[in-house]
Amino acid sequence: MLSFIRILTLLSLSSVKIHARPTAADGGQLILNPSFSSIKDLTYVDSPPKGHINRTLPSGREYVLFVPDGYDHQVEHPLVLSFHGAGGNSSRQEILTQLTLPSQRIDDKPFLSAFPQGVDNEIWGMKHIWRGAPYANQSVDDVQFVKDIILDISQNYTLDPTRYYATGKSNGGGFTSLLACLPDTSSLFAAFGVVSAALYQEALSFAGCFPSRAVPIIHSHGIEDDDTLFKGRSRSENWRFGPEPHVDNWRKRWAIRNGHPSESSGEGKGGLPEPNEVYHPHHNTTEERWTLGKAEVIAISVGGLGHSWPSTEGLDRAGSPNQYANFNFTESHLLPFFSRQQLPEEFLGQGGN
C-alpha cells in the first residue's frame, strides 16, 4: 500500500562499514567486523546488510544505523532515531537506550535504529551538540540532517513511513522536543520520546511551539536530576543556559496543545490540566497520563534517579551515583508507547525534504 515511498535500489557507498555491537566495555566505540568491509561488496540488492553500519552523508554529517537480524526486505519496518546528549556520541546512545537488544519490538516487528552524531561549537567550547540549546551550532541545519537520514535509510531499506519515531536524552531530548514543536517534523514522526530533556527556550519550551497536529509524547525524568532540574530554573537564577520550565508544567502544556480539557480533573496552577490517569508502575515511580485530547501525553517521574536514561544496569553514567532505576524504560514504557502510535495517513508526505 505504501510502496510509493520505497526506493529499493541499494547505493554503492564505499564509506559504509558493518560493525559488531558496541559494549560498555568498549567505551562506546564501534568494533570493525572483518567479515564485511563496505556495502559495495554486497551484491544482493534484495538482501541489504544487517548489523551496525557507519554512514556519512554528502553533507559530511554522520550517523550509525542498526539493522536487526529479523529485518525482512519484503516487509515494512519501523524506524527510531535516537539523539545523544551534549558531549555524547552515537555509540554511547545506543548502549544506554538498549534500543538494539535482540528482543526489542515495535508493533511486534523488529525495527531499525539510527543514532545520529551531533556537531561541535568551538565558540561555546561544546562538543557533540544539537539545536534547541543556546550553545547550538548555528552553521549547521540539524533538522535537515534528520530528514536526510530518513531519506538515506529509505533508499536502502523497506520502512513503514507511518512508524518513524524520535527519541533523545538531555540536549538530544531537547532537540527531540523541538522536532515535536515544528510544523514539518511534527507530521514526519508518529511519536516522540523525551528523557531528562534540556528544555531551554531554544527548544520552544516556553513559547513558539506550533506543531501541525496533536503530537503523542512520552517523557521520563529523574526526580534527583541535578543537571536538568525537575523543578526547572527561573530567570532570576541567571543560569548561563537560561531558564527551564518546571517539568510538570511543560508536560501539562503539551496536554493543552493536544486538546486535553483542563476541566477534566480540576485545574493546576495557571489553569494547566491535571492528568486524568495516575499509576505507580514501579517502586518510587509515578506515571501520569493525559489521554482526553487528540493525542496522549505520558509522564514518568522516577524517584531517586539522576540525569540518566532509566535502566536496571545503570548504563547511563551521567546521573552517577543515581543512575540506577528498578525498571528499563525502553522495554517497559517507550516501545509499548511507540507501538500504540501510528502517523495518520493524511500527514504522509507533509514532513518535507
Protein backbone atom coordinates (compact mmCIF):
# COMPACT_ATOMS: atom_id res chain seq x y z
CA MET A 1 0.00 0.00 0.00
CA LEU A 2 2.85 2.33 0.79
CA SER A 3 5.19 1.16 -1.93
CA PHE A 4 5.31 4.63 -3.47
CA ILE A 5 7.88 5.71 -0.85
CA ARG A 6 10.18 2.76 -1.37
CA ILE A 7 13.39 3.03 -3.30
CA LEU A 8 14.74 -0.49 -3.48
CA THR A 9 18.00 0.21 -5.29
CA LEU A 10 20.92 -0.19 -2.89
CA LEU A 11 23.55 2.52 -3.33
CA SER A 12 27.21 1.56 -3.60
CA LEU A 13 28.83 3.64 -0.89
CA SER A 14 32.40 2.86 0.00
CA SER A 15 32.26 4.84 3.25
CA VAL A 16 29.71 2.49 4.81
CA LYS A 17 31.06 -0.21 7.11
CA ILE A 18 29.49 -3.01 9.09
CA HIS A 19 30.44 -3.32 12.74
CA ALA A 20 29.89 -5.57 15.69
CA ARG A 21 27.63 -4.38 18.50
CA PRO A 22 29.36 -1.89 20.84
CA THR A 23 29.52 -2.74 24.53
CA ALA A 24 30.00 -0.65 27.62
CA ALA A 25 33.45 -2.18 27.97
CA ASP A 26 34.37 -0.75 24.60
CA GLY A 27 33.76 2.74 25.92
CA GLY A 28 31.09 3.15 23.29
CA GLN A 29 33.44 2.62 20.34
CA LEU A 30 32.30 0.51 17.42
CA ILE A 31 34.43 -2.52 16.64
CA LEU A 32 35.03 -3.39 13.00
CA ASN A 33 33.65 -6.72 11.93
CA PRO A 34 36.28 -8.03 9.48
CA SER A 35 33.73 -10.20 7.67
CA PHE A 36 32.43 -7.11 5.83
CA SER A 37 34.20 -4.06 4.51
CA SER A 38 31.53 -1.96 2.80
CA ILE A 39 28.09 -2.06 1.24
CA LYS A 40 29.58 -2.06 -2.26
CA ASP A 41 30.98 -5.54 -1.50
CA LEU A 42 27.42 -6.86 -1.06
CA THR A 43 25.88 -7.56 -4.43
CA TYR A 44 22.39 -8.71 -3.46
CA VAL A 45 20.01 -5.77 -3.59
CA ASP A 46 17.20 -7.96 -2.24
CA SER A 47 19.19 -8.58 0.94
CA PRO A 48 20.88 -5.36 2.16
CA PRO A 49 23.35 -5.64 5.03
CA LYS A 50 22.36 -6.02 8.65
CA GLY A 51 24.11 -5.09 11.86
CA HIS A 52 25.86 -1.77 12.53
CA ILE A 53 26.55 0.49 9.58
CA ASN A 54 28.53 3.72 9.82
CA ARG A 55 27.06 6.21 7.37
CA THR A 56 28.45 9.54 6.15
CA LEU A 57 26.03 11.70 4.17
CA PRO A 58 27.02 14.06 1.32
CA SER A 59 26.73 16.91 3.84
CA GLY A 60 29.51 15.31 5.86
CA ARG A 61 27.18 14.53 8.76
CA GLU A 62 27.41 11.05 10.26
CA TYR A 63 25.14 8.52 11.91
CA VAL A 64 25.19 4.87 12.91
CA LEU A 65 22.43 2.64 11.56
CA PHE A 66 21.47 -0.63 13.20
CA VAL A 67 19.55 -3.20 11.15
CA PRO A 68 18.32 -6.18 13.22
CA ASP A 69 18.72 -9.80 12.20
CA GLY A 70 14.95 -10.05 11.85
CA TYR A 71 14.83 -7.45 9.09
CA ASP A 72 12.85 -8.67 6.05
CA HIS A 73 13.32 -6.63 2.88
CA GLN A 74 9.78 -7.52 1.74
CA VAL A 75 8.16 -6.13 4.89
CA GLU A 76 7.83 -2.53 6.06
CA HIS A 77 9.67 -1.90 9.33
CA PRO A 78 9.50 0.90 11.93
CA LEU A 79 12.44 3.28 12.34
CA VAL A 80 13.65 5.00 15.52
CA LEU A 81 16.07 7.96 15.56
CA SER A 82 17.78 8.48 18.92
CA PHE A 83 19.75 11.63 19.78
CA HIS A 84 22.54 11.68 22.37
CA GLY A 85 23.10 14.42 24.91
CA ALA A 86 25.69 17.20 24.70
CA GLY A 87 29.17 15.70 24.76
CA GLY A 88 27.78 12.25 23.99
CA ASN A 89 28.09 10.11 20.89
CA SER A 90 26.12 7.71 18.75
CA SER A 91 27.59 4.55 20.24
CA ARG A 92 27.02 5.54 23.85
CA GLN A 93 23.45 6.48 22.99
CA GLU A 94 22.86 3.01 21.61
CA ILE A 95 24.22 1.39 24.75
CA LEU A 96 22.28 3.44 27.27
CA THR A 97 18.95 3.26 25.38
CA GLN A 98 19.03 -0.54 24.86
CA LEU A 99 17.15 0.01 21.60
CA THR A 100 19.12 -2.62 19.69
CA LEU A 101 18.68 -5.54 22.08
CA PRO A 102 17.50 -8.57 20.07
CA SER A 103 14.20 -8.84 21.94
CA GLN A 104 13.05 -5.28 21.26
CA ARG A 105 9.98 -4.81 19.05
CA ILE A 106 7.61 -2.10 17.89
CA ASP A 107 4.15 -3.31 16.92
CA ASP A 108 5.54 -6.86 17.19
CA LYS A 109 8.09 -6.13 14.46
CA PRO A 110 11.87 -5.77 14.56
CA PHE A 111 12.78 -2.16 13.85
CA LEU A 112 15.73 -0.19 12.53
CA SER A 113 17.52 2.31 14.78
CA ALA A 114 19.61 5.31 13.76
CA PHE A 115 21.96 7.10 16.15
CA PRO A 116 22.96 10.48 14.66
CA GLN A 117 26.14 12.28 15.69
CA GLY A 118 26.00 15.88 16.89
CA VAL A 119 28.49 18.58 15.94
CA ASP A 120 30.83 20.83 17.94
CA ASN A 121 30.56 24.51 18.79
CA GLU A 122 34.04 25.88 19.40
CA ILE A 123 32.74 29.28 20.48
CA TRP A 124 30.96 27.71 23.45
CA GLY A 125 33.57 25.02 23.90
CA MET A 126 30.84 22.38 23.50
CA LYS A 127 31.17 19.06 21.70
CA HIS A 128 28.56 16.90 20.01
CA ILE A 129 25.52 19.12 20.38
CA TRP A 130 22.10 19.73 18.83
CA ARG A 131 19.73 22.56 18.04
CA GLY A 132 17.31 23.53 20.77
CA ALA A 133 20.02 24.93 23.05
CA PRO A 134 21.76 28.32 23.39
CA TYR A 135 25.06 26.62 22.60
CA ALA A 136 23.81 25.04 19.36
CA ASN A 137 26.00 25.34 16.27
CA GLN A 138 24.03 27.73 14.08
CA SER A 139 26.13 26.97 11.00
CA VAL A 140 24.54 23.55 10.51
CA ASP A 141 20.94 22.50 9.95
CA ASP A 142 20.17 19.66 12.35
CA VAL A 143 16.54 19.49 11.25
CA GLN A 144 17.53 18.93 7.63
CA PHE A 145 20.06 16.34 8.83
CA VAL A 146 17.17 14.40 10.38
CA LYS A 147 15.25 14.44 7.10
CA ASP A 148 18.37 13.43 5.18
CA ILE A 149 18.88 10.43 7.47
CA ILE A 150 15.35 9.16 6.89
CA LEU A 151 15.68 9.60 3.13
CA ASP A 152 19.05 7.86 3.15
CA ILE A 153 17.73 4.83 5.02
CA SER A 154 14.54 4.63 2.97
CA GLN A 155 16.62 4.41 -0.21
CA ASN A 156 18.22 1.21 1.04
CA TYR A 157 15.70 -0.41 3.36
CA THR A 158 11.96 -1.02 3.45
CA LEU A 159 10.41 1.30 6.03
CA ASP A 160 6.90 1.98 7.25
CA PRO A 161 6.52 5.78 6.88
CA THR A 162 3.68 5.79 9.41
CA ARG A 163 6.07 4.44 12.04
CA TYR A 164 9.01 6.82 12.26
CA TYR A 165 9.85 7.74 15.86
CA ALA A 166 12.23 10.22 17.50
CA THR A 167 13.74 9.97 20.96
CA GLY A 168 16.59 11.65 22.78
CA LYS A 169 18.16 12.43 26.12
CA SER A 170 19.31 15.72 27.69
CA ASN A 171 20.31 18.10 24.84
CA GLY A 172 19.17 15.33 22.47
CA GLY A 173 15.89 15.26 24.37
CA GLY A 174 15.54 19.00 23.94
CA PHE A 175 16.17 18.58 20.22
CA THR A 176 13.53 15.83 20.12
CA SER A 177 11.13 18.21 21.84
CA LEU A 178 11.97 20.86 19.22
CA LEU A 179 11.19 18.37 16.43
CA ALA A 180 7.81 17.76 18.05
CA CYS A 181 7.12 21.52 18.02
CA LEU A 182 7.98 22.23 14.38
CA PRO A 183 5.17 22.03 11.81
CA ASP A 184 7.09 19.81 9.37
CA THR A 185 8.77 17.30 11.69
CA SER A 186 5.73 17.01 13.96
CA SER A 187 4.00 15.42 10.96
CA LEU A 188 7.03 13.36 9.96
CA PHE A 189 7.29 11.29 13.15
CA ALA A 190 4.47 9.24 14.61
CA ALA A 191 5.53 9.92 18.21
CA PHE A 192 8.30 11.33 20.36
CA GLY A 193 10.14 10.03 23.44
CA VAL A 194 11.97 12.53 25.65
CA VAL A 195 14.27 11.62 28.56
CA SER A 196 15.78 14.08 31.06
CA ALA A 197 15.46 16.76 28.42
CA ALA A 198 17.30 20.08 28.45
CA LEU A 199 14.19 22.19 27.91
CA TYR A 200 15.76 25.52 27.03
CA GLN A 201 13.95 28.44 25.44
CA GLU A 202 15.58 27.47 22.13
CA ALA A 203 13.72 24.14 22.30
CA LEU A 204 10.49 26.20 22.24
CA SER A 205 9.74 25.03 25.79
CA PHE A 206 8.05 28.30 26.81
CA ALA A 207 6.63 29.73 23.59
CA GLY A 208 6.64 29.31 19.82
CA CYS A 209 5.71 25.61 19.78
CA PHE A 210 3.28 25.15 16.89
CA PRO A 211 3.06 21.53 15.74
CA SER A 212 0.91 20.78 12.71
CA ARG A 213 -1.09 18.16 14.58
CA ALA A 214 -1.70 16.69 18.03
CA VAL A 215 1.56 15.00 19.00
CA PRO A 216 1.92 11.82 21.08
CA ILE A 217 4.75 12.29 23.61
CA ILE A 218 6.22 10.21 26.40
CA HIS A 219 8.56 11.93 28.84
CA SER A 220 10.73 10.42 31.59
CA HIS A 221 12.62 12.49 34.15
CA GLY A 222 14.53 11.63 37.31
CA ILE A 223 13.43 13.49 40.43
CA GLU A 224 17.08 13.73 41.56
CA ASP A 225 18.32 15.11 38.24
CA ASP A 226 20.83 17.82 39.15
CA ASP A 227 21.64 18.73 35.53
CA THR A 228 18.23 19.40 34.01
CA LEU A 229 16.35 20.09 37.22
CA PHE A 230 12.88 18.64 37.65
CA LYS A 231 11.73 21.93 39.17
CA GLY A 232 13.31 23.88 36.31
CA ARG A 233 15.22 27.16 36.60
CA SER A 234 13.84 30.68 36.81
CA ARG A 235 15.23 33.71 35.01
CA SER A 236 16.31 35.17 38.35
CA GLU A 237 18.79 32.32 38.84
CA ASN A 238 20.87 33.66 35.93
CA TRP A 239 21.74 30.14 34.77
CA ARG A 240 24.16 30.54 31.88
CA PHE A 241 21.93 28.49 29.58
CA GLY A 242 18.81 30.43 30.54
CA PRO A 243 15.55 29.43 32.23
CA GLU A 244 13.98 25.99 32.04
CA PRO A 245 10.34 25.15 32.81
CA HIS A 246 9.20 23.01 35.69
CA VAL A 247 8.83 19.53 34.22
CA ASP A 248 5.21 19.24 35.39
CA ASN A 249 4.24 22.48 33.64
CA TRP A 250 5.99 21.50 30.40
CA ARG A 251 4.04 18.23 30.34
CA LYS A 252 0.73 19.97 31.02
CA ARG A 253 1.32 22.48 28.23
CA TRP A 254 1.72 19.59 25.82
CA ALA A 255 -1.58 18.17 27.08
CA ILE A 256 -3.25 21.50 26.30
CA ARG A 257 -1.73 21.60 22.80
CA ASN A 258 -3.15 18.15 22.21
CA GLY A 259 -6.61 19.28 23.23
CA HIS A 260 -6.82 17.78 26.72
CA PRO A 261 -9.52 19.73 28.64
CA SER A 262 -8.31 21.48 31.79
CA GLU A 263 -11.62 20.84 33.50
CA SER A 264 -11.27 17.03 33.27
CA SER A 265 -9.82 16.56 36.74
CA GLY A 266 -9.61 20.05 38.13
CA GLU A 267 -7.01 22.64 37.30
CA GLY A 268 -3.41 23.02 38.34
CA LYS A 269 -1.54 26.28 38.71
CA GLY A 270 -2.14 28.70 35.89
CA GLY A 271 -5.07 26.66 34.62
CA LEU A 272 -2.85 23.79 33.50
CA PRO A 273 -4.69 20.44 33.39
CA GLU A 274 -4.05 17.66 35.84
CA PRO A 275 -3.66 14.13 34.42
CA ASN A 276 -6.81 12.07 34.12
CA GLU A 277 -4.92 8.85 34.94
CA VAL A 278 -2.22 8.23 37.56
CA TYR A 279 -0.38 4.95 38.16
CA HIS A 280 2.59 3.65 40.11
CA PRO A 281 4.04 1.03 37.75
CA HIS A 282 7.28 0.58 39.72
CA HIS A 283 8.51 1.31 43.20
CA ASN A 284 9.07 5.05 43.72
CA THR A 285 7.84 5.79 40.18
CA THR A 286 4.74 7.71 39.12
CA GLU A 287 3.14 7.53 35.69
CA GLU A 288 0.72 10.31 34.74
CA ARG A 289 -1.42 10.30 31.62
CA TRP A 290 -3.31 12.98 29.76
CA THR A 291 -5.46 10.99 27.33
CA LEU A 292 -8.59 13.07 26.72
CA GLY A 293 -7.13 15.12 23.88
CA LYS A 294 -6.36 14.10 20.31
CA ALA A 295 -3.01 12.56 21.33
CA GLU A 296 -1.80 11.21 24.63
CA VAL A 297 0.93 12.64 26.84
CA ILE A 298 2.63 10.14 29.16
CA ALA A 299 4.86 11.31 32.02
CA ILE A 300 7.18 9.05 34.02
CA SER A 301 8.68 10.58 37.18
CA VAL A 302 11.37 8.40 38.74
CA GLY A 303 12.24 8.92 42.38
CA GLY A 304 15.91 8.54 43.29
CA LEU A 305 17.08 8.78 39.67
CA GLY A 306 19.52 11.43 38.47
CA HIS A 307 20.30 12.65 34.95
CA SER A 308 20.00 9.19 33.40
CA TRP A 309 18.04 7.09 30.95
CA PRO A 310 16.29 4.64 33.33
CA SER A 311 17.76 1.14 33.37
CA THR A 312 18.36 -1.52 36.00
CA GLU A 313 22.00 -1.78 34.93
CA GLY A 314 22.69 1.92 35.38
CA LEU A 315 24.03 2.17 31.84
CA ASP A 316 23.74 5.96 31.67
CA ARG A 317 26.52 7.14 33.94
CA ALA A 318 25.65 10.83 33.51
CA GLY A 319 23.40 10.57 36.55
CA SER A 320 26.02 8.90 38.76
CA PRO A 321 25.73 7.94 41.57
CA ASN A 322 21.97 7.97 40.96
CA GLN A 323 21.96 6.27 37.55
CA TYR A 324 20.03 3.13 38.54
CA ALA A 325 16.30 2.50 38.17
CA ASN A 326 14.29 -0.58 39.05
CA PHE A 327 12.97 -0.88 35.50
CA ASN A 328 14.16 -0.49 31.93
CA PHE A 329 12.40 2.50 30.40
CA THR A 330 12.85 1.44 26.77
CA GLU A 331 11.34 -2.01 27.16
CA SER A 332 8.71 -1.18 29.78
CA HIS A 333 7.44 2.17 28.53
CA LEU A 334 9.00 3.66 25.40
CA LEU A 335 8.49 0.83 22.92
CA PRO A 336 4.96 -0.06 24.12
CA PHE A 337 4.08 3.63 23.73
CA PHE A 338 5.55 3.76 20.23
CA SER A 339 3.68 0.57 19.33
CA ARG A 340 0.38 2.34 20.07
CA GLN A 341 1.24 5.34 17.88
CA GLN A 342 1.00 5.48 14.10
CA LEU A 343 1.12 8.58 11.91
CA PRO A 344 -2.30 9.22 10.32
CA GLU A 345 -2.04 8.72 6.58
CA GLU A 346 -3.28 12.24 5.85
CA PHE A 347 0.04 13.54 7.17
CA LEU A 348 2.20 11.35 4.95
CA GLY A 349 4.46 13.44 2.76
CA GLN A 350 3.96 16.60 4.83
CA GLY A 351 7.24 16.26 6.72
CA GLY A 352 9.25 17.99 3.98
CA ASN A 353 12.57 17.06 2.41
